[in-house]
Amino acid sequence: MKDQALAIIKDIASPSDKLNLLREYLQAMALRSLHESEAFVNLAFVGGTALRFVHNLPRFSEDLDFSLENDTGYKPEAWMKKLKNDLQLAGFNTAVSWNDRTVVHKSWIKVGGVLKDAGLAAMADQNLSIKLEVDTKPPKGAVSETGIVNRHAMLSLRYYDLPSLMAGKIHALITRKYAKGRDWYDLLWYRGKRPPIDPNVEQLQNAFDQTSGQGVFNAENWKRDVVERLKAIDCDALVNDVKNFLEHPGDSALLTEQNILSVLK
């Protein structure tokens, strides 16, 4: 399977596109391993990579994010051991760490040598790393669905529906201490759908209360709070942050204050 991954990117000229596709292939292999471990009995796939795999967001994503829906039979260390073995059997030199000392459990999947093999690094000891996180106390109110995904590998996933995924995105837009172009691009994508997607307000309110304290934010006023956040942001910086992650890098030019305000009407 390592040969297949390298064949997929062989004729791609752009280094950022090569890296994005190579990382996505490894993400698919990791998701396939979790599927085989029946991890989605416990987990729901969330975040930007879930949007990419499930809803074909035309943006690549770096991390694998999950919410713990059911803690009965939650065996992440066994899953990580299988994931490492699966990637090694596929020809990838893999190391996997696990940290469960905080509410958000974290793993780093580090694949050595593949960046050099792909012509993306000069030294074989440079790793391609993917962060995997499991929020063990996610905000209440999310709605999950189950379906088949076929991106590099066919598998069955549990994932949040679009309004619930958007609630997580709006929470990040309003409360994140720094602006990420990827967040604002995703906002355009959500609101550009017909009909436009609105966030799961119950889940969003629970997220605000959980991280900022009760009474600090009112989820019903999410549009107003996003506009206030926008006033303090340099849209040129948003473009620079997101363009290397887009299937069509020119789409980053859509990230203007006028366009963002228009989708919030």
Protein backbone atom coordinates (compact mmCIF):
# COMPACT_ATOMS: atom_id res chain seq x y z
CA MET A 1 0.00 0.00 0.00
CA LYS A 2 2.96 2.33 0.44
CA ASP A 3 3.69 1.84 -3.26
CA GLN A 4 0.08 2.76 -4.02
CA ALA A 5 0.35 5.95 -1.97
CA LEU A 6 3.53 7.00 -3.76
CA ALA A 7 1.99 6.16 -7.14
CA ILE A 8 -0.98 8.44 -6.43
CA ILE A 9 1.28 11.46 -5.93
CA LYS A 10 4.01 10.57 -8.44
CA ASP A 11 2.96 12.96 -11.21
CA ILE A 12 1.79 15.85 -9.02
CA ALA A 13 3.98 18.93 -9.43
CA SER A 14 2.90 20.96 -6.40
CA PRO A 15 4.73 19.95 -3.18
CA SER A 16 1.79 21.09 -1.03
CA ASP A 17 -0.64 19.00 -3.09
CA LYS A 18 1.68 16.00 -2.82
CA LEU A 19 1.87 16.38 0.95
CA ASN A 20 -1.89 16.85 1.30
CA LEU A 21 -2.70 13.73 -0.73
CA LEU A 22 -0.07 11.63 1.00
CA ARG A 23 -1.36 12.67 4.41
CA GLU A 24 -4.94 12.01 3.33
CA TYR A 25 -4.02 8.50 2.19
CA LEU A 26 -2.55 7.78 5.63
CA GLN A 27 -5.63 9.28 7.29
CA ALA A 28 -7.80 6.88 5.27
CA MET A 29 -5.64 3.94 6.36
CA ALA A 30 -5.97 5.03 9.99
CA LEU A 31 -9.75 5.36 9.67
CA ARG A 32 -9.94 1.95 8.03
CA SER A 33 -8.04 0.45 10.96
CA LEU A 34 -10.38 2.11 13.46
CA HIS A 35 -13.36 0.80 11.48
CA GLU A 36 -11.96 -2.74 11.67
CA SER A 37 -11.51 -2.30 15.44
CA GLU A 38 -15.21 -1.32 15.67
CA ALA A 39 -14.11 1.97 17.23
CA PHE A 40 -17.09 3.79 15.72
CA VAL A 41 -19.34 2.00 18.18
CA ASN A 42 -17.74 4.47 20.61
CA LEU A 43 -16.55 7.36 18.50
CA ALA A 44 -18.04 9.96 16.18
CA PHE A 45 -15.81 11.47 13.51
CA VAL A 46 -15.78 15.29 13.73
CA GLY A 47 -13.81 18.32 12.54
CA GLY A 48 -12.48 19.39 9.18
CA THR A 49 -11.27 15.95 8.14
CA ALA A 50 -14.78 14.60 8.74
CA LEU A 51 -16.15 17.33 6.46
CA ARG A 52 -13.60 16.29 3.84
CA PHE A 53 -14.20 12.54 3.99
CA VAL A 54 -17.96 12.54 4.54
CA HIS A 55 -19.16 15.70 2.80
CA ASN A 56 -16.42 16.27 0.17
CA LEU A 57 -15.20 19.61 1.51
CA PRO A 58 -12.73 20.83 -1.17
CA ARG A 59 -10.10 21.47 1.50
CA PHE A 60 -7.51 19.12 2.91
CA SER A 61 -7.19 18.76 6.68
CA GLU A 62 -4.32 17.73 8.95
CA ASP A 63 -5.82 16.06 12.03
CA LEU A 64 -8.20 13.25 12.93
CA ASP A 65 -10.74 14.42 15.52
CA PHE A 66 -13.34 12.34 17.33
CA SER A 67 -15.94 12.73 20.05
CA LEU A 68 -16.52 9.94 22.54
CA GLU A 69 -20.19 8.99 22.24
CA ASN A 70 -20.16 5.79 24.29
CA ASP A 71 -17.46 4.86 26.79
CA THR A 72 -18.51 1.21 27.15
CA GLY A 73 -15.78 -0.82 25.50
CA TYR A 74 -13.61 2.24 24.83
CA LYS A 75 -10.18 0.66 24.18
CA PRO A 76 -8.05 3.31 22.48
CA GLU A 77 -4.66 1.82 23.35
CA ALA A 78 -5.63 -1.47 21.69
CA TRP A 79 -6.90 0.47 18.67
CA MET A 80 -3.63 2.42 18.42
CA LYS A 81 -1.61 -0.80 18.62
CA LYS A 82 -3.62 -2.27 15.73
CA LEU A 83 -3.34 0.98 13.77
CA LYS A 84 0.44 0.93 14.09
CA ASN A 85 0.61 -2.72 13.02
CA ASP A 86 -1.70 -2.10 10.05
CA LEU A 87 0.42 0.79 8.76
CA GLN A 88 3.60 -1.19 9.22
CA LEU A 89 2.14 -4.15 7.32
CA ALA A 90 1.26 -1.69 4.55
CA GLY A 91 4.95 -0.77 4.29
CA PHE A 92 5.05 2.40 6.39
CA ASN A 93 7.67 2.87 9.12
CA THR A 94 5.27 3.93 11.89
CA ALA A 95 5.46 5.03 15.52
CA VAL A 96 2.28 5.75 17.51
CA SER A 97 2.11 7.49 20.89
CA TRP A 98 -0.88 7.78 23.24
CA ASN A 99 -1.64 10.31 26.01
CA ASP A 100 -4.82 10.06 28.08
CA ARG A 101 -3.81 12.39 30.93
CA THR A 102 -6.22 15.14 29.85
CA VAL A 103 -9.91 15.27 28.89
CA VAL A 104 -8.89 15.28 25.25
CA HIS A 105 -6.94 12.08 24.63
CA LYS A 106 -4.17 12.50 22.07
CA SER A 107 -2.13 10.34 19.75
CA TRP A 108 0.64 11.19 17.32
CA ILE A 109 0.99 8.91 14.31
CA LYS A 110 4.49 9.42 12.93
CA VAL A 111 5.52 7.87 9.64
CA GLY A 112 9.23 7.93 8.89
CA GLY A 113 10.94 7.89 5.52
CA VAL A 114 7.84 8.45 3.41
CA LEU A 115 8.50 12.18 2.94
CA LYS A 116 11.92 11.39 1.49
CA ASP A 117 10.44 8.63 -0.68
CA ALA A 118 7.92 11.16 -2.00
CA GLY A 119 10.61 13.74 -2.77
CA LEU A 120 9.32 16.06 -0.07
CA ALA A 121 12.27 15.87 2.33
CA ALA A 122 16.01 15.51 2.03
CA MET A 123 16.48 13.36 5.13
CA ALA A 124 14.90 9.97 5.81
CA ASP A 125 14.43 10.79 9.50
CA GLN A 126 11.86 13.51 8.78
CA ASN A 127 8.41 12.27 9.78
CA LEU A 128 4.97 12.84 8.35
CA SER A 129 2.87 13.29 11.49
CA ILE A 130 -0.88 13.11 12.01
CA LYS A 131 -2.44 14.15 15.29
CA LEU A 132 -5.41 12.10 16.48
CA GLU A 133 -7.62 13.45 19.28
CA VAL A 134 -10.61 12.08 21.17
CA ASP A 135 -12.72 14.54 23.18
CA THR A 136 -13.94 12.38 26.06
CA LYS A 137 -16.40 15.02 27.32
CA PRO A 138 -17.87 16.64 24.20
CA PRO A 139 -20.70 19.20 24.52
CA LYS A 140 -24.13 17.58 24.72
CA GLY A 141 -26.71 17.92 21.98
CA ALA A 142 -24.84 16.75 18.89
CA VAL A 143 -26.64 14.53 16.37
CA SER A 144 -24.67 11.66 14.86
CA GLU A 145 -25.23 9.62 11.71
CA THR A 146 -23.68 6.47 10.25
CA GLY A 147 -22.71 5.94 6.64
CA ILE A 148 -20.26 4.47 4.14
CA VAL A 149 -17.25 6.51 3.05
CA ASN A 150 -15.02 5.60 0.10
CA ARG A 151 -11.94 7.81 -0.09
CA HIS A 152 -8.82 5.67 -0.69
CA ALA A 153 -10.53 2.95 1.40
CA MET A 154 -14.15 1.87 1.93
CA LEU A 155 -15.37 1.92 5.52
CA SER A 156 -18.34 2.59 7.73
CA LEU A 157 -18.21 5.64 10.00
CA ARG A 158 -20.24 7.32 12.68
CA TYR A 159 -20.01 11.10 12.30
CA TYR A 160 -21.81 14.28 13.33
CA ASP A 161 -24.46 15.69 11.00
CA LEU A 162 -23.74 19.01 9.26
CA PRO A 163 -25.44 21.31 11.83
CA SER A 164 -23.53 19.59 14.64
CA LEU A 165 -20.23 19.82 12.75
CA MET A 166 -20.96 23.49 12.10
CA ALA A 167 -21.61 24.10 15.81
CA GLY A 168 -18.03 23.03 16.47
CA LYS A 169 -16.79 25.34 13.75
CA ILE A 170 -18.74 28.37 15.01
CA HIS A 171 -17.47 27.72 18.53
CA ALA A 172 -13.90 27.76 17.19
CA LEU A 173 -14.48 30.92 15.12
CA ILE A 174 -15.76 32.84 18.12
CA THR A 175 -13.54 31.52 20.91
CA ARG A 176 -10.24 30.56 19.27
CA LYS A 177 -7.51 33.00 20.36
CA TYR A 178 -6.08 33.23 16.87
CA ALA A 179 -7.73 33.32 13.45
CA LYS A 180 -7.36 30.35 11.11
CA GLY A 181 -8.14 30.77 7.43
CA ARG A 182 -9.37 27.20 7.33
CA ASP A 183 -12.13 28.02 9.84
CA TRP A 184 -13.35 30.99 7.83
CA TYR A 185 -13.17 29.09 4.54
CA ASP A 186 -15.33 26.38 6.08
CA LEU A 187 -17.84 29.03 7.17
CA LEU A 188 -18.18 30.12 3.52
CA TRP A 189 -18.65 26.48 2.51
CA TYR A 190 -21.38 25.83 5.10
CA ARG A 191 -23.26 29.01 4.30
CA GLY A 192 -22.75 28.64 0.55
CA LYS A 193 -24.77 25.42 0.49
CA ARG A 194 -28.43 25.60 -0.52
CA PRO A 195 -30.15 25.94 1.82
CA PRO A 196 -27.37 27.41 3.98
CA ILE A 197 -26.41 25.35 7.02
CA ASP A 198 -27.14 26.75 10.49
CA PRO A 199 -25.35 25.37 13.55
CA ASN A 200 -26.93 23.04 16.08
CA VAL A 201 -27.78 25.78 18.60
CA GLU A 202 -28.25 23.46 21.58
CA GLN A 203 -24.83 21.91 21.08
CA LEU A 204 -23.25 25.32 20.42
CA GLN A 205 -24.68 26.75 23.64
CA ASN A 206 -23.40 23.75 25.60
CA ALA A 207 -19.97 24.23 24.05
CA PHE A 208 -19.91 27.91 25.01
CA ASP A 209 -21.01 27.15 28.56
CA GLN A 210 -18.44 24.37 28.88
CA THR A 211 -15.43 26.41 27.74
CA SER A 212 -16.33 30.02 28.59
CA GLY A 213 -18.82 29.73 31.45
CA GLN A 214 -22.57 30.16 31.53
CA GLY A 215 -23.92 33.50 30.37
CA VAL A 216 -20.81 34.60 28.47
CA PHE A 217 -22.20 33.75 25.02
CA ASN A 218 -25.71 33.26 23.70
CA ALA A 219 -25.69 30.73 20.86
CA GLU A 220 -28.75 32.37 19.31
CA ASN A 221 -26.55 35.41 18.60
CA TRP A 222 -23.84 33.44 16.79
CA LYS A 223 -24.00 35.55 13.62
CA ARG A 224 -23.51 38.79 15.56
CA ASP A 225 -20.56 37.33 17.46
CA VAL A 226 -18.95 36.04 14.26
CA VAL A 227 -19.26 39.53 12.72
CA GLU A 228 -17.64 41.07 15.81
CA ARG A 229 -14.80 38.58 15.55
CA LEU A 230 -14.39 39.37 11.86
CA LYS A 231 -13.79 43.07 12.60
CA ALA A 232 -10.51 42.23 14.33
CA ILE A 233 -9.17 39.93 11.60
CA ASP A 234 -6.81 40.53 8.69
CA CYS A 235 -8.45 38.72 5.77
CA ASP A 236 -5.16 38.65 3.83
CA ALA A 237 -3.70 36.51 6.61
CA LEU A 238 -6.67 34.14 6.29
CA VAL A 239 -5.91 33.68 2.59
CA ASN A 240 -2.26 32.84 3.29
CA ASP A 241 -3.25 30.31 5.96
CA VAL A 242 -5.70 28.32 3.85
CA LYS A 243 -4.51 28.44 0.23
CA ASN A 244 -2.07 25.51 0.45
CA PHE A 245 -4.86 23.27 1.80
CA LEU A 246 -7.37 23.89 -1.00
CA GLU A 247 -8.02 21.67 -4.01
CA HIS A 248 -8.25 24.93 -5.96
CA PRO A 249 -5.86 27.39 -4.24
CA GLY A 250 -7.39 30.32 -6.12
CA ASP A 251 -10.57 29.85 -4.08
CA SER A 252 -8.71 31.40 -1.14
CA ALA A 253 -9.39 34.77 -2.78
CA LEU A 254 -13.04 34.32 -1.78
CA LEU A 255 -12.04 35.06 1.81
CA THR A 256 -12.94 38.73 1.84
CA GLU A 257 -14.82 40.63 4.51
CA GLN A 258 -17.58 41.40 2.00
CA ASN A 259 -18.08 37.73 1.08
CA ILE A 260 -18.08 36.59 4.69
CA LEU A 261 -20.63 39.23 5.66
CA SER A 262 -22.81 38.31 2.68
CA VAL A 263 -23.19 34.67 3.74
CA LEU A 264 -24.19 35.73 7.25
CA LYS A 265 -27.22 37.72 6.08
